PDB file of N, CA and C in Angstrom:
ATOM      1  N   MET A   1      45.848 -16.376  -2.379  1.00  0.00           N
ATOM      2  CA  MET A   1      44.630 -15.932  -1.719  1.00  0.00           C
ATOM      3  C   MET A   1      43.867 -17.133  -1.155  1.00  0.00           C
ATOM      4  N   LEU A   2      43.728 -18.145  -1.975  1.00  0.00           N
ATOM      5  CA  LEU A   2      43.002 -19.335  -1.551  1.00  0.00           C
ATOM      6  C   LEU A   2      43.729 -20.037  -0.404  1.00  0.00           C
ATOM      7  N   SER A   3      45.041 -20.031  -0.462  1.00  0.00           N
ATOM      8  CA  SER A   3      45.795 -20.697   0.601  1.00  0.00           C
ATOM      9  C   SER A   3      45.613 -19.982   1.946  1.00  0.00           C
ATOM     10  N   VAL A   4      45.464 -18.654   1.910  1.00  0.00           N
ATOM     11  CA  VAL A   4      45.240 -17.899   3.140  1.00  0.00           C
ATOM     12  C   VAL A   4      43.895 -18.270   3.748  1.00  0.00           C
ATOM     13  N   VAL A   5      42.880 -18.398   2.905  1.00  0.00           N
ATOM     14  CA  VAL A   5      41.544 -18.765   3.383  1.00  0.00           C
ATOM     15  C   VAL A   5      41.549 -20.179   3.945  1.00  0.00           C
ATOM     16  N   LEU A   6      42.189 -21.100   3.249  1.00  0.00           N
ATOM     17  CA  LEU A   6      42.242 -22.483   3.724  1.00  0.00           C
ATOM     18  C   LEU A   6      43.038 -22.595   5.021  1.00  0.00           C
ATOM     19  N   GLN A   7      44.129 -21.834   5.125  1.00  0.00           N
ATOM     20  CA  GLN A   7      44.934 -21.868   6.337  1.00  0.00           C
ATOM     21  C   GLN A   7      44.154 -21.299   7.527  1.00  0.00           C
ATOM     22  N   ALA A   8      43.402 -20.228   7.297  1.00  0.00           N
ATOM     23  CA  ALA A   8      42.597 -19.644   8.371  1.00  0.00           C
ATOM     24  C   ALA A   8      41.493 -20.596   8.801  1.00  0.00           C
ATOM     25  N   ALA A   9      40.885 -21.296   7.840  1.00  0.00           N
ATOM     26  CA  ALA A   9      39.820 -22.242   8.165  1.00  0.00           C
ATOM     27  C   ALA A   9      40.373 -23.441   8.919  1.00  0.00           C
ATOM     28  N   ALA A  10      41.574 -23.868   8.578  1.00  0.00           N
ATOM     29  CA  ALA A  10      42.165 -25.031   9.238  1.00  0.00           C
ATOM     30  C   ALA A  10      42.606 -24.693  10.656  1.00  0.00           C
ATOM     31  N   SER A  11      42.995 -23.452  10.903  1.00  0.00           N
ATOM     32  CA  SER A  11      43.469 -23.089  12.230  1.00  0.00           C
ATOM     33  C   SER A  11      42.339 -22.687  13.175  1.00  0.00           C
ATOM     34  N   ASP A  12      41.136 -22.563  12.669  1.00  0.00           N
ATOM     35  CA  ASP A  12      39.987 -22.181  13.485  1.00  0.00           C
ATOM     36  C   ASP A  12      39.450 -23.430  14.190  1.00  0.00           C
ATOM     37  N   PRO A  13      39.599 -23.519  15.506  1.00  0.00           N
ATOM     38  CA  PRO A  13      39.156 -24.732  16.195  1.00  0.00           C
ATOM     39  C   PRO A  13      37.632 -24.796  16.287  1.00  0.00           C
ATOM     40  N   VAL A  14      37.132 -26.011  16.260  1.00  0.00           N
ATOM     41  CA  VAL A  14      35.691 -26.237  16.394  1.00  0.00           C
ATOM     42  C   VAL A  14      35.359 -26.202  17.882  1.00  0.00           C
ATOM     43  N   PRO A  15      34.371 -25.391  18.289  1.00  0.00           N
ATOM     44  CA  PRO A  15      34.035 -25.322  19.712  1.00  0.00           C
ATOM     45  C   PRO A  15      33.368 -26.615  20.183  1.00  0.00           C
ATOM     46  N   ALA A  16      33.562 -26.914  21.454  1.00  0.00           N
ATOM     47  CA  ALA A  16      32.914 -28.083  22.047  1.00  0.00           C
ATOM     48  C   ALA A  16      31.420 -27.805  22.201  1.00  0.00           C
ATOM     49  N   GLU A  17      30.652 -28.860  22.415  1.00  0.00           N
ATOM     50  CA  GLU A  17      29.198 -28.699  22.509  1.00  0.00           C
ATOM     51  C   GLU A  17      28.790 -27.790  23.658  1.00  0.00           C
ATOM     52  N   ASN A  18      29.496 -27.806  24.754  1.00  0.00           N
ATOM     53  CA  ASN A  18      29.141 -27.000  25.915  1.00  0.00           C
ATOM     54  C   ASN A  18      29.632 -25.556  25.815  1.00  0.00           C
ATOM     55  N   ASP A  19      30.460 -25.252  24.809  1.00  0.00           N
ATOM     56  CA  ASP A  19      30.980 -23.893  24.662  1.00  0.00           C
ATOM     57  C   ASP A  19      29.959 -22.942  24.052  1.00  0.00           C
ATOM     58  N   VAL A  20      29.046 -23.476  23.248  1.00  0.00           N
ATOM     59  CA  VAL A  20      28.066 -22.646  22.556  1.00  0.00           C
ATOM     60  C   VAL A  20      26.704 -22.898  23.176  1.00  0.00           C
ATOM     61  N   LYS A  21      26.090 -21.835  23.700  1.00  0.00           N
ATOM     62  CA  LYS A  21      24.777 -21.961  24.328  1.00  0.00           C
ATOM     63  C   LYS A  21      23.875 -20.838  23.830  1.00  0.00           C
ATOM     64  N   ALA A  22      22.622 -21.143  23.747  1.00  0.00           N
ATOM     65  CA  ALA A  22      21.650 -20.120  23.378  1.00  0.00           C
ATOM     66  C   ALA A  22      21.448 -19.194  24.572  1.00  0.00           C
ATOM     67  N   GLY A  23      21.360 -17.918  24.308  1.00  0.00           N
ATOM     68  CA  GLY A  23      21.209 -16.956  25.401  1.00  0.00           C
ATOM     69  C   GLY A  23      19.784 -16.485  25.556  1.00  0.00           C
ATOM     70  N   TRP A  24      19.508 -15.922  26.722  1.00  0.00           N
ATOM     71  CA  TRP A  24      18.181 -15.382  27.009  1.00  0.00           C
ATOM     72  C   TRP A  24      17.912 -14.131  26.203  1.00  0.00           C
ATOM     73  N   VAL A  25      18.953 -13.387  25.896  1.00  0.00           N
ATOM     74  CA  VAL A  25      18.781 -12.153  25.125  1.00  0.00           C
ATOM     75  C   VAL A  25      18.249 -12.484  23.733  1.00  0.00           C
ATOM     76  N   ALA A  26      18.782 -13.519  23.105  1.00  0.00           N
ATOM     77  CA  ALA A  26      18.316 -13.920  21.779  1.00  0.00           C
ATOM     78  C   ALA A  26      16.856 -14.368  21.827  1.00  0.00           C
ATOM     79  N   LEU A  27      16.485 -15.070  22.876  1.00  0.00           N
ATOM     80  CA  LEU A  27      15.096 -15.506  23.015  1.00  0.00           C
ATOM     81  C   LEU A  27      14.168 -14.301  23.145  1.00  0.00           C
ATOM     82  N   VAL A  28      14.556 -13.328  23.934  1.00  0.00           N
ATOM     83  CA  VAL A  28      13.737 -12.127  24.110  1.00  0.00           C
ATOM     84  C   VAL A  28      13.610 -11.370  22.791  1.00  0.00           C
ATOM     85  N   VAL A  29      14.697 -11.268  22.059  1.00  0.00           N
ATOM     86  CA  VAL A  29      14.656 -10.565  20.763  1.00  0.00           C
ATOM     87  C   VAL A  29      13.719 -11.273  19.803  1.00  0.00           C
ATOM     88  N   VAL A  30      13.789 -12.586  19.734  1.00  0.00           N
ATOM     89  CA  VAL A  30      12.914 -13.351  18.840  1.00  0.00           C
ATOM     90  C   VAL A  30      11.456 -13.185  19.255  1.00  0.00           C
ATOM     91  N   LEU A  31      11.180 -13.254  20.549  1.00  0.00           N
ATOM     92  CA  LEU A  31       9.798 -13.088  21.018  1.00  0.00           C
ATOM     93  C   LEU A  31       9.266 -11.692  20.713  1.00  0.00           C
ATOM     94  N   LEU A  32      10.115 -10.670  20.872  1.00  0.00           N
ATOM     95  CA  LEU A  32       9.692  -9.305  20.532  1.00  0.00           C
ATOM     96  C   LEU A  32       9.413  -9.162  19.042  1.00  0.00           C
ATOM     97  N   LEU A  33      10.215  -9.815  18.225  1.00  0.00           N
ATOM     98  CA  LEU A  33       9.961  -9.778  16.778  1.00  0.00           C
ATOM     99  C   LEU A  33       8.645 -10.468  16.430  1.00  0.00           C
ATOM    100  N   VAL A  34       8.353 -11.571  17.090  1.00  0.00           N
ATOM    101  CA  VAL A  34       7.084 -12.268  16.845  1.00  0.00           C
ATOM    102  C   VAL A  34       5.908 -11.387  17.251  1.00  0.00           C
ATOM    103  N   VAL A  35       6.002 -10.735  18.389  1.00  0.00           N
ATOM    104  CA  VAL A  35       4.933  -9.835  18.841  1.00  0.00           C
ATOM    105  C   VAL A  35       4.760  -8.680  17.854  1.00  0.00           C
ATOM    106  N   ALA A  36       5.849  -8.126  17.366  1.00  0.00           N
ATOM    107  CA  ALA A  36       5.770  -7.022  16.403  1.00  0.00           C
ATOM    108  C   ALA A  36       5.090  -7.475  15.113  1.00  0.00           C
ATOM    109  N   VAL A  37       5.409  -8.663  14.640  1.00  0.00           N
ATOM    110  CA  VAL A  37       4.789  -9.175  13.419  1.00  0.00           C
ATOM    111  C   VAL A  37       3.301  -9.396  13.626  1.00  0.00           C
ATOM    112  N   VAL A  38       2.912  -9.897  14.787  1.00  0.00           N
ATOM    113  CA  VAL A  38       1.485 -10.102  15.071  1.00  0.00           C
ATOM    114  C   VAL A  38       0.742  -8.771  15.052  1.00  0.00           C
ATOM    115  N   PHE A  39       1.307  -7.740  15.678  1.00  0.00           N
ATOM    116  CA  PHE A  39       0.659  -6.432  15.662  1.00  0.00           C
ATOM    117  C   PHE A  39       0.580  -5.864  14.247  1.00  0.00           C
ATOM    118  N   LEU A  40       1.632  -6.037  13.464  1.00  0.00           N
ATOM    119  CA  LEU A  40       1.603  -5.543  12.085  1.00  0.00           C
ATOM    120  C   LEU A  40       0.558  -6.276  11.251  1.00  0.00           C
ATOM    121  N   LEU A  41       0.436  -7.578  11.432  1.00  0.00           N
ATOM    122  CA  LEU A  41      -0.569  -8.337  10.690  1.00  0.00           C
ATOM    123  C   LEU A  41      -1.982  -7.924  11.077  1.00  0.00           C
ATOM    124  N   ARG A  42      -2.208  -7.708  12.369  1.00  0.00           N
ATOM    125  CA  ARG A  42      -3.541  -7.266  12.809  1.00  0.00           C
ATOM    126  C   ARG A  42      -3.879  -5.904  12.216  1.00  0.00           C
ATOM    127  N   SER A  43      -2.914  -5.002  12.202  1.00  0.00           N
ATOM    128  CA  SER A  43      -3.140  -3.685  11.627  1.00  0.00           C
ATOM    129  C   SER A  43      -3.409  -3.779  10.131  1.00  0.00           C
ATOM    130  N   PHE A  44      -2.670  -4.655   9.450  1.00  0.00           N
ATOM    131  CA  PHE A  44      -2.852  -4.833   8.015  1.00  0.00           C
ATOM    132  C   PHE A  44      -4.246  -5.351   7.704  1.00  0.00           C
ATOM    133  N   VAL A  45      -4.713  -6.333   8.474  1.00  0.00           N
ATOM    134  CA  VAL A  45      -6.060  -6.876   8.261  1.00  0.00           C
ATOM    135  C   VAL A  45      -7.109  -5.798   8.522  1.00  0.00           C
ATOM    136  N   LYS A  46      -6.892  -4.986   9.541  1.00  0.00           N
ATOM    137  CA  LYS A  46      -7.821  -3.902   9.859  1.00  0.00           C
ATOM    138  C   LYS A  46      -7.900  -2.906   8.698  1.00  0.00           C
ATOM    139  N   GLN A  47      -6.751  -2.548   8.124  1.00  0.00           N
ATOM    140  CA  GLN A  47      -6.738  -1.612   7.004  1.00  0.00           C
ATOM    141  C   GLN A  47      -7.404  -2.220   5.774  1.00  0.00           C
ATOM    142  N   LEU A  48      -7.209  -3.514   5.547  1.00  0.00           N
ATOM    143  CA  LEU A  48      -7.860  -4.171   4.412  1.00  0.00           C
ATOM    144  C   LEU A  48      -9.374  -4.186   4.577  1.00  0.00           C
ATOM    145  N   LYS A  49      -9.843  -4.365   5.809  1.00  0.00           N
ATOM    146  CA  LYS A  49     -11.285  -4.323   6.044  1.00  0.00           C
ATOM    147  C   LYS A  49     -11.839  -2.935   5.770  1.00  0.00           C
ATOM    148  N   LYS A  50     -11.073  -1.885   6.120  1.00  0.00           N
ATOM    149  CA  LYS A  50     -11.507  -0.520   5.833  1.00  0.00           C
ATOM    150  C   LYS A  50     -11.592  -0.285   4.328  1.00  0.00           C
ATOM    151  N   VAL A  51     -10.608  -0.791   3.600  1.00  0.00           N
ATOM    152  CA  VAL A  51     -10.615  -0.630   2.145  1.00  0.00           C
ATOM    153  C   VAL A  51     -11.791  -1.370   1.545  1.00  0.00           C
ATOM    154  N   ASP A  52     -12.064  -2.569   2.021  1.00  0.00           N
ATOM    155  CA  ASP A  52     -13.193  -3.341   1.509  1.00  0.00           C
ATOM    156  C   ASP A  52     -14.518  -2.642   1.802  1.00  0.00           C
ATOM    157  N   ALA A  53     -14.660  -2.096   3.004  1.00  0.00           N
ATOM    158  CA  ALA A  53     -15.886  -1.377   3.347  1.00  0.00           C
ATOM    159  C   ALA A  53     -16.042  -0.132   2.482  1.00  0.00           C
ATOM    160  N   ALA A  54     -14.965   0.583   2.225  1.00  0.00           N
ATOM    161  CA  ALA A  54     -15.030   1.766   1.375  1.00  0.00           C
ATOM    162  C   ALA A  54     -15.371   1.376  -0.058  1.00  0.00           C
ATOM    163  N   ASP A  55     -14.847   0.260  -0.514  1.00  0.00           N
ATOM    164  CA  ASP A  55     -15.150  -0.213  -1.865  1.00  0.00           C
ATOM    165  C   ASP A  55     -16.618  -0.588  -1.976  1.00  0.00           C
ATOM    166  N   GLN A  56     -17.152  -1.249  -0.945  1.00  0.00           N
ATOM    167  CA  GLN A  56     -18.564  -1.616  -0.951  1.00  0.00           C
ATOM    168  C   GLN A  56     -19.457  -0.375  -0.908  1.00  0.00           C
ATOM    169  N   ALA A  57     -18.982   0.682  -0.251  1.00  0.00           N
ATOM    170  CA  ALA A  57     -19.761   1.916  -0.153  1.00  0.00           C
ATOM    171  C   ALA A  57     -19.670   2.747  -1.432  1.00  0.00           C
ATOM    172  N   GLY A  58     -18.819   2.349  -2.369  1.00  0.00           N
ATOM    173  CA  GLY A  58     -18.717   3.067  -3.633  1.00  0.00           C
ATOM    174  C   GLY A  58     -17.772   4.248  -3.591  1.00  0.00           C
ATOM    175  N   VAL A  59     -16.854   4.265  -2.687  1.00  0.00           N
ATOM    176  CA  VAL A  59     -15.908   5.374  -2.595  1.00  0.00           C
ATOM    177  C   VAL A  59     -14.963   5.379  -3.790  1.00  0.00           C
ATOM    178  N   TYR A  60     -14.585   4.200  -4.265  1.00  0.00           N
ATOM    179  CA  TYR A  60     -13.648   4.108  -5.377  1.00  0.00           C
ATOM    180  C   TYR A  60     -14.407   4.059  -6.687  1.00  0.00           C
ATOM    181  N   ASP A  61     -13.978   4.886  -7.633  1.00  0.00           N
ATOM    182  CA  ASP A  61     -14.599   4.937  -8.948  1.00  0.00           C
ATOM    183  C   ASP A  61     -14.037   3.810  -9.799  1.00  0.00           C
ATOM    184  N   GLU A  62     -14.895   2.994 -10.380  1.00  0.00           N
ATOM    185  CA  GLU A  62     -14.430   1.859 -11.163  1.00  0.00           C
ATOM    186  C   GLU A  62     -14.429   2.141 -12.649  1.00  0.00           C
ATOM    187  N   LYS A  63     -14.735   3.368 -13.064  1.00  0.00           N
ATOM    188  CA  LYS A  63     -14.720   3.697 -14.479  1.00  0.00           C
ATOM    189  C   LYS A  63     -13.284   3.767 -14.988  1.00  0.00           C
ATOM    190  N   THR A  64     -13.103   3.314 -16.226  1.00  0.00           N
ATOM    191  CA  THR A  64     -11.796   3.447 -16.859  1.00  0.00           C
ATOM    192  C   THR A  64     -11.988   4.147 -18.189  1.00  0.00           C
ATOM    193  N   ASP A  65     -11.257   5.209 -18.385  1.00  0.00           N
ATOM    194  CA  ASP A  65     -11.372   5.975 -19.616  1.00  0.00           C
ATOM    195  C   ASP A  65     -10.282   5.630 -20.615  1.00  0.00           C
ATOM    196  N   ASN A  66      -9.242   4.953 -20.178  1.00  0.00           N
ATOM    197  CA  ASN A  66      -8.107   4.720 -21.061  1.00  0.00           C
ATOM    198  C   ASN A  66      -8.153   3.363 -21.752  1.00  0.00           C
ATOM    199  N   GLY A  67      -9.123   2.516 -21.493  1.00  0.00           N
ATOM    200  CA  GLY A  67      -9.264   1.246 -22.183  1.00  0.00           C
ATOM    201  C   GLY A  67      -8.292   0.171 -21.732  1.00  0.00           C
ATOM    202  N   SER A  68      -7.447   0.447 -20.767  1.00  0.00           N
ATOM    203  CA  SER A  68      -6.458  -0.535 -20.330  1.00  0.00           C
ATOM    204  C   SER A  68      -6.977  -1.400 -19.193  1.00  0.00           C
ATOM    205  N   GLY A  69      -8.129  -1.085 -18.649  1.00  0.00           N
ATOM    206  CA  GLY A  69      -8.652  -1.828 -17.514  1.00  0.00           C
ATOM    207  C   GLY A  69      -8.136  -1.306 -16.189  1.00  0.00           C
ATOM    208  N   LEU A  70      -7.258  -0.315 -16.246  1.00  0.00           N
ATOM    209  CA  LEU A  70      -6.713   0.282 -15.036  1.00  0.00           C
ATOM    210  C   LEU A  70      -7.462   1.571 -14.730  1.00  0.00           C
ATOM    211  N   PRO A  71      -7.505   1.989 -13.483  1.00  0.00           N
ATOM    212  CA  PRO A  71      -8.171   3.252 -13.169  1.00  0.00           C
ATOM    213  C   PRO A  71      -7.438   4.412 -13.841  1.00  0.00           C
ATOM    214  N   PRO A  72      -8.173   5.455 -14.180  1.00  0.00           N
ATOM    215  CA  PRO A  72      -7.533   6.589 -14.836  1.00  0.00           C
ATOM    216  C   PRO A  72      -6.551   7.290 -13.915  1.00  0.00           C
ATOM    217  N   THR A  73      -5.497   7.818 -14.517  1.00  0.00           N
ATOM    218  CA  THR A  73      -4.535   8.582 -13.728  1.00  0.00           C
ATOM    219  C   THR A  73      -5.111   9.958 -13.454  1.00  0.00           C
ATOM    220  N   THR A  74      -4.434  10.730 -12.641  1.00  0.00           N
ATOM    221  CA  THR A  74      -4.908  12.075 -12.294  1.00  0.00           C
ATOM    222  C   THR A  74      -4.983  12.952 -13.531  1.00  0.00           C
ATOM    223  N   ILE A  75      -4.009  12.825 -14.407  1.00  0.00           N
ATOM    224  CA  ILE A  75      -3.995  13.651 -15.628  1.00  0.00           C
ATOM    225  C   ILE A  75      -5.181  13.285 -16.503  1.00  0.00           C
ATOM    226  N   GLU A  76      -5.425  11.978 -16.697  1.00  0.00           N
ATOM    227  CA  GLU A  76      -6.550  11.560 -17.525  1.00  0.00           C
ATOM    228  C   GLU A  76      -7.876  11.904 -16.868  1.00  0.00           C
ATOM    229  N   HIS A  77      -7.914  11.878 -15.544  1.00  0.00           N
ATOM    230  CA  HIS A  77      -9.139  12.151 -14.825  1.00  0.00           C
ATOM    231  C   HIS A  77      -9.547  13.637 -14.932  1.00  0.00           C
ATOM    232  N   ASP A  78      -8.570  14.524 -15.029  1.00  0.00           N
ATOM    233  CA  ASP A  78      -8.843  15.952 -15.106  1.00  0.00           C
ATOM    234  C   ASP A  78      -9.291  16.394 -16.484  1.00  0.00           C
ATOM    235  N   ARG A  79      -9.129  15.583 -17.483  1.00  0.00           N
ATOM    236  CA  ARG A  79      -9.505  15.986 -18.855  1.00  0.00           C
ATOM    237  C   ARG A  79     -10.984  16.022 -19.029  1.00  0.00           C
TER     238      ARG A  79
END
């Protein structure tokens, strides 16, 4: 098995420097991914600001009935 892998690696020629070039398609894909990440980050920050504003307004109940420091679950809350 190892000899087959070594033989395949030895027979694989190394390309010359001019044979391998970066393409425009790859550049466009990378730029689109960067734009998508920027939009996702902006949306994430916007949602975090909404959560912070709701927390400041007292929408979230900070009482804990179970003593663990965590908010009560739905089952514990209904009791």
